[in-house]
N, C-alpha and C. Protein backbone atom coordinates (compact mmCIF):
# COMPACT_ATOMS: atom_id res chain seq x y z
N MET A 1 0.28 -15.55 -3.68
CA MET A 1 1.47 -13.58 -2.98
C MET A 1 0.16 -13.79 -2.31
N LYS A 2 0.55 -13.10 -0.93
CA LYS A 2 -0.13 -12.10 -0.32
C LYS A 2 -0.14 -10.74 -0.70
N LYS A 3 -2.16 -10.24 -0.99
CA LYS A 3 -1.80 -8.87 -1.72
C LYS A 3 -1.03 -7.71 -1.18
N PRO A 4 -0.63 -6.45 -1.65
CA PRO A 4 -0.75 -6.07 -1.26
C PRO A 4 -1.67 -5.09 -0.33
N ILE A 5 -1.17 -4.46 0.67
CA ILE A 5 -2.25 -3.59 1.32
C ILE A 5 -1.49 -2.21 1.36
N ILE A 6 -3.05 -1.22 0.76
CA ILE A 6 -2.68 0.31 0.68
C ILE A 6 -3.45 1.11 1.44
N TYR A 7 -2.75 1.23 2.00
CA TYR A 7 -3.60 2.26 3.58
C TYR A 7 -4.00 3.73 2.69
N THR A 8 -4.97 4.47 2.47
CA THR A 8 -5.27 5.29 1.77
C THR A 8 -6.01 6.71 2.02
N THR A 9 -6.66 7.35 1.53
CA THR A 9 -7.90 8.51 2.44
C THR A 9 -8.29 7.72 0.49
N PRO A 10 -10.03 8.77 1.33
CA PRO A 10 -10.42 8.61 -0.20
C PRO A 10 -10.36 9.67 -1.54
N THR A 11 -9.44 10.90 -1.13
CA THR A 11 -9.26 11.78 -1.90
C THR A 11 -7.99 12.06 -2.22
N CYS A 12 -7.33 10.86 -1.71
CA CYS A 12 -5.90 11.10 -2.28
C CYS A 12 -5.58 10.44 -3.95
N VAL A 13 -5.36 11.39 -4.79
CA VAL A 13 -4.49 11.48 -6.02
C VAL A 13 -3.89 9.93 -6.34
N TYR A 14 -2.46 9.90 -5.55
CA TYR A 14 -1.09 9.08 -5.90
C TYR A 14 -1.89 7.74 -5.30
N CYS A 15 -2.82 8.08 -4.39
CA CYS A 15 -3.54 6.29 -3.50
C CYS A 15 -4.26 6.09 -5.56
N HIS A 16 -4.85 6.90 -6.24
CA HIS A 16 -5.57 6.26 -6.95
C HIS A 16 -5.01 5.84 -8.35
N ALA A 17 -3.69 6.80 -8.60
CA ALA A 17 -3.10 6.42 -9.74
C ALA A 17 -2.04 4.84 -9.60
N LEU A 18 -1.89 4.75 -8.14
CA LEU A 18 -1.05 3.31 -7.32
C LEU A 18 -2.23 2.42 -7.65
N MET A 19 -3.22 3.01 -7.37
CA MET A 19 -4.47 1.51 -7.86
C MET A 19 -4.34 0.98 -9.47
N ASP A 20 -4.24 2.19 -9.87
CA ASP A 20 -4.46 2.06 -11.57
C ASP A 20 -3.20 1.55 -12.14
N TRP A 21 -2.21 1.72 -11.24
CA TRP A 21 -0.64 1.32 -11.91
C TRP A 21 -1.20 -0.48 -11.87
N LEU A 22 -1.25 -0.42 -10.50
CA LEU A 22 -1.84 -1.99 -10.66
C LEU A 22 -2.87 -2.86 -11.29
N ASP A 23 -3.84 -1.99 -10.91
CA ASP A 23 -5.14 -2.36 -12.01
C ASP A 23 -4.37 -2.88 -13.40
N SER A 24 -3.78 -1.94 -13.79
CA SER A 24 -3.26 -2.34 -15.38
C SER A 24 -1.97 -3.79 -15.37
N LYS A 25 -1.33 -3.72 -14.03
CA LYS A 25 -0.32 -4.82 -14.18
C LYS A 25 -1.49 -6.01 -13.42
N GLU A 26 -2.80 -5.95 -13.73
CA GLU A 26 -3.24 -7.17 -12.97
C GLU A 26 -3.23 -7.62 -11.96
N ILE A 27 -2.65 -6.93 -10.52
CA ILE A 27 -2.14 -6.89 -9.27
C ILE A 27 -3.01 -6.94 -8.39
N GLU A 28 -3.99 -8.02 -7.54
CA GLU A 28 -4.67 -8.18 -6.49
C GLU A 28 -4.12 -6.85 -5.65
N TYR A 29 -4.84 -6.36 -4.50
CA TYR A 29 -4.19 -5.92 -3.59
C TYR A 29 -5.59 -5.24 -2.58
N GLU A 30 -5.09 -4.89 -2.15
CA GLU A 30 -6.06 -4.04 -0.67
C GLU A 30 -6.12 -2.99 -0.40
N THR A 31 -6.77 -2.30 0.02
CA THR A 31 -7.31 -1.12 0.38
C THR A 31 -7.84 -1.40 1.57
N LYS A 32 -7.63 0.23 2.66
CA LYS A 32 -7.36 0.62 3.77
C LYS A 32 -8.01 1.96 3.98
N ASP A 33 -8.66 2.68 4.21
CA ASP A 33 -8.81 3.20 4.71
C ASP A 33 -8.86 4.26 5.52
N ILE A 34 -7.67 4.65 6.43
CA ILE A 34 -7.26 5.33 7.32
C ILE A 34 -7.84 6.38 7.66
N THR A 35 -8.88 6.50 7.00
CA THR A 35 -10.13 8.16 7.57
C THR A 35 -10.85 7.32 8.59
N GLU A 36 -10.58 6.17 8.75
CA GLU A 36 -11.89 5.18 9.61
C GLU A 36 -10.76 4.76 11.01
N PRO A 37 -11.23 5.49 12.24
CA PRO A 37 -10.13 5.68 13.22
C PRO A 37 -9.83 3.89 13.63
N ALA A 38 -10.80 2.98 13.45
CA ALA A 38 -10.48 1.73 13.47
C ALA A 38 -9.02 1.03 12.63
N VAL A 39 -9.47 1.39 11.36
CA VAL A 39 -8.27 1.46 10.42
C VAL A 39 -6.77 1.77 10.88
N GLU A 40 -7.01 3.47 11.11
CA GLU A 40 -5.76 4.21 11.77
C GLU A 40 -5.26 3.32 12.67
N ASP A 41 -5.82 2.66 13.84
CA ASP A 41 -5.50 2.00 15.02
C ASP A 41 -4.69 0.57 14.21
N GLU A 42 -5.01 0.15 13.50
CA GLU A 42 -5.16 -1.38 13.08
C GLU A 42 -2.96 -0.72 12.35
N ALA A 43 -3.21 0.28 11.27
CA ALA A 43 -2.40 0.16 10.33
C ALA A 43 -0.82 0.74 12.03
N SER A 44 -1.68 1.13 13.24
CA SER A 44 -0.46 1.69 13.42
C SER A 44 0.32 0.74 14.38
N ARG A 45 -0.77 -0.04 14.34
CA ARG A 45 0.21 -1.44 14.95
C ARG A 45 0.79 -2.60 14.24
N ALA A 46 0.50 -2.37 12.42
CA ALA A 46 1.25 -3.37 12.30
C ALA A 46 2.15 -2.52 11.94
N LEU A 47 2.65 -1.51 11.20
CA LEU A 47 4.04 -0.74 10.69
C LEU A 47 4.53 -0.48 12.15
N GLY A 48 3.84 -0.04 13.41
CA GLY A 48 4.75 0.77 14.32
C GLY A 48 5.17 1.67 14.37
N TYR A 49 3.85 2.67 13.84
CA TYR A 49 4.11 4.32 13.24
C TYR A 49 3.05 4.31 12.78
N LYS A 50 1.92 5.38 13.73
CA LYS A 50 1.00 6.15 12.74
C LYS A 50 1.12 6.88 11.27
N ILE A 51 0.81 6.48 10.60
CA ILE A 51 0.82 6.90 8.98
C ILE A 51 -0.09 8.59 9.13
N SER A 52 1.51 9.38 8.15
CA SER A 52 1.17 10.45 7.55
C SER A 52 1.37 10.62 6.41
N THR A 53 1.28 9.28 5.74
CA THR A 53 1.52 9.66 3.78
C THR A 53 0.71 8.62 3.51
N VAL A 54 -0.04 9.60 2.47
CA VAL A 54 -0.54 8.33 1.55
C VAL A 54 -0.12 8.11 0.15
N PRO A 55 -0.12 7.52 -0.57
CA PRO A 55 -0.13 5.85 -0.15
C PRO A 55 1.17 5.39 0.47
N THR A 56 0.58 4.64 1.72
CA THR A 56 1.55 3.62 2.43
C THR A 56 0.91 2.34 1.74
N THR A 57 1.99 1.53 1.67
CA THR A 57 1.13 -0.01 1.46
C THR A 57 3.23 -0.91 1.26
N LEU A 58 1.93 -2.15 2.77
CA LEU A 58 3.18 -2.86 2.73
C LEU A 58 2.40 -4.06 1.77
N ILE A 59 4.02 -4.59 1.47
CA ILE A 59 4.02 -5.65 0.29
C ILE A 59 5.29 -6.63 1.11
N GLY A 60 4.74 -7.64 1.37
CA GLY A 60 5.45 -8.55 2.22
C GLY A 60 5.49 -7.92 3.01
N ASP A 61 7.40 -7.65 3.43
CA ASP A 61 7.98 -7.20 4.77
C ASP A 61 8.24 -5.84 4.70
N GLU A 62 7.87 -5.25 3.13
CA GLU A 62 8.64 -3.77 3.30
C GLU A 62 7.20 -2.95 2.76
N VAL A 63 8.06 -1.98 3.52
CA VAL A 63 6.77 -0.47 3.94
C VAL A 63 7.04 -0.15 2.77
N ILE A 64 6.31 0.96 2.25
CA ILE A 64 6.39 2.25 0.63
C ILE A 64 5.21 3.15 0.97
N VAL A 65 6.21 4.54 0.83
CA VAL A 65 5.50 5.15 1.30
C VAL A 65 5.24 6.42 -0.25
N GLY A 66 4.41 6.56 -0.36
CA GLY A 66 3.62 7.24 -1.56
C GLY A 66 4.38 6.31 -2.99
N PHE A 67 3.61 6.80 -3.78
CA PHE A 67 3.96 6.49 -5.43
C PHE A 67 4.74 6.07 -6.52
N ASP A 68 6.25 5.36 -5.82
CA ASP A 68 7.37 4.99 -5.94
C ASP A 68 7.36 3.35 -7.02
N ARG A 69 6.94 3.39 -8.40
CA ARG A 69 7.25 2.90 -9.50
C ARG A 69 8.28 2.04 -9.18
N PRO A 70 9.40 2.13 -9.02
CA PRO A 70 10.82 1.09 -9.39
C PRO A 70 10.60 0.85 -7.55
N ALA A 71 9.69 1.08 -6.57
CA ALA A 71 10.22 0.38 -5.41
C ALA A 71 8.74 -0.69 -5.31
N PHE A 72 7.63 -0.26 -5.79
CA PHE A 72 6.61 -1.23 -5.87
C PHE A 72 7.18 -2.32 -7.19
N THR A 73 7.82 -2.66 -8.18
CA THR A 73 8.47 -3.33 -8.83
C THR A 73 9.68 -4.14 -8.07
N LYS A 74 10.14 -4.24 -7.65
CA LYS A 74 11.36 -4.27 -6.84
C LYS A 74 10.73 -5.52 -5.89
N ALA A 75 9.19 -4.47 -4.50
CA ALA A 75 9.01 -5.72 -4.06
C ALA A 75 8.49 -6.39 -4.69
N LEU A 76 7.41 -6.09 -5.60
CA LEU A 76 6.70 -7.12 -6.24
C LEU A 76 7.57 -8.13 -6.70
N GLU A 77 8.30 -7.64 -7.52
CA GLU A 77 9.85 -9.19 -8.03
C GLU A 77 9.81 -9.73 -6.89
N LYS A 78 10.04 -9.58 -5.47
CA LYS A 78 10.99 -10.15 -4.95
C LYS A 78 9.51 -11.20 -3.57
N VAL A 79 8.34 -10.54 -3.32
CA VAL A 79 7.57 -11.34 -3.18
C VAL A 79 7.12 -12.57 -3.75
N LYS A 80 7.04 -12.08 -5.47
CA LYS A 80 6.28 -13.36 -6.73
C LYS A 80 7.39 -14.35 -6.54
N ALA A 81 9.12 -14.14 -5.54
CA ALA A 81 10.16 -15.14 -5.60
C ALA A 81 10.54 -15.91 -4.47
N ALA A 82 9.36 -15.35 -3.47
CA ALA A 82 9.66 -16.16 -2.70
C ALA A 82 8.59 -17.40 -2.13
């Protein structure tokens, strides 16, 4: 399974809650700090728009904005099944 990519900022409480939740489920992920201009540009190209809310997470082909546990569970199951 390709690791989910979490676009985050250092002070985002919801980002840290998401990462803690993924850690508790032993799911590996990658974080990218969008306060860095090069990362923000990369994210904009990858997603097709500028990120205005964090966390924004890319799981497979799916983008999840915010920390929506049901959406994460569904997306993770979909990626595992593929």
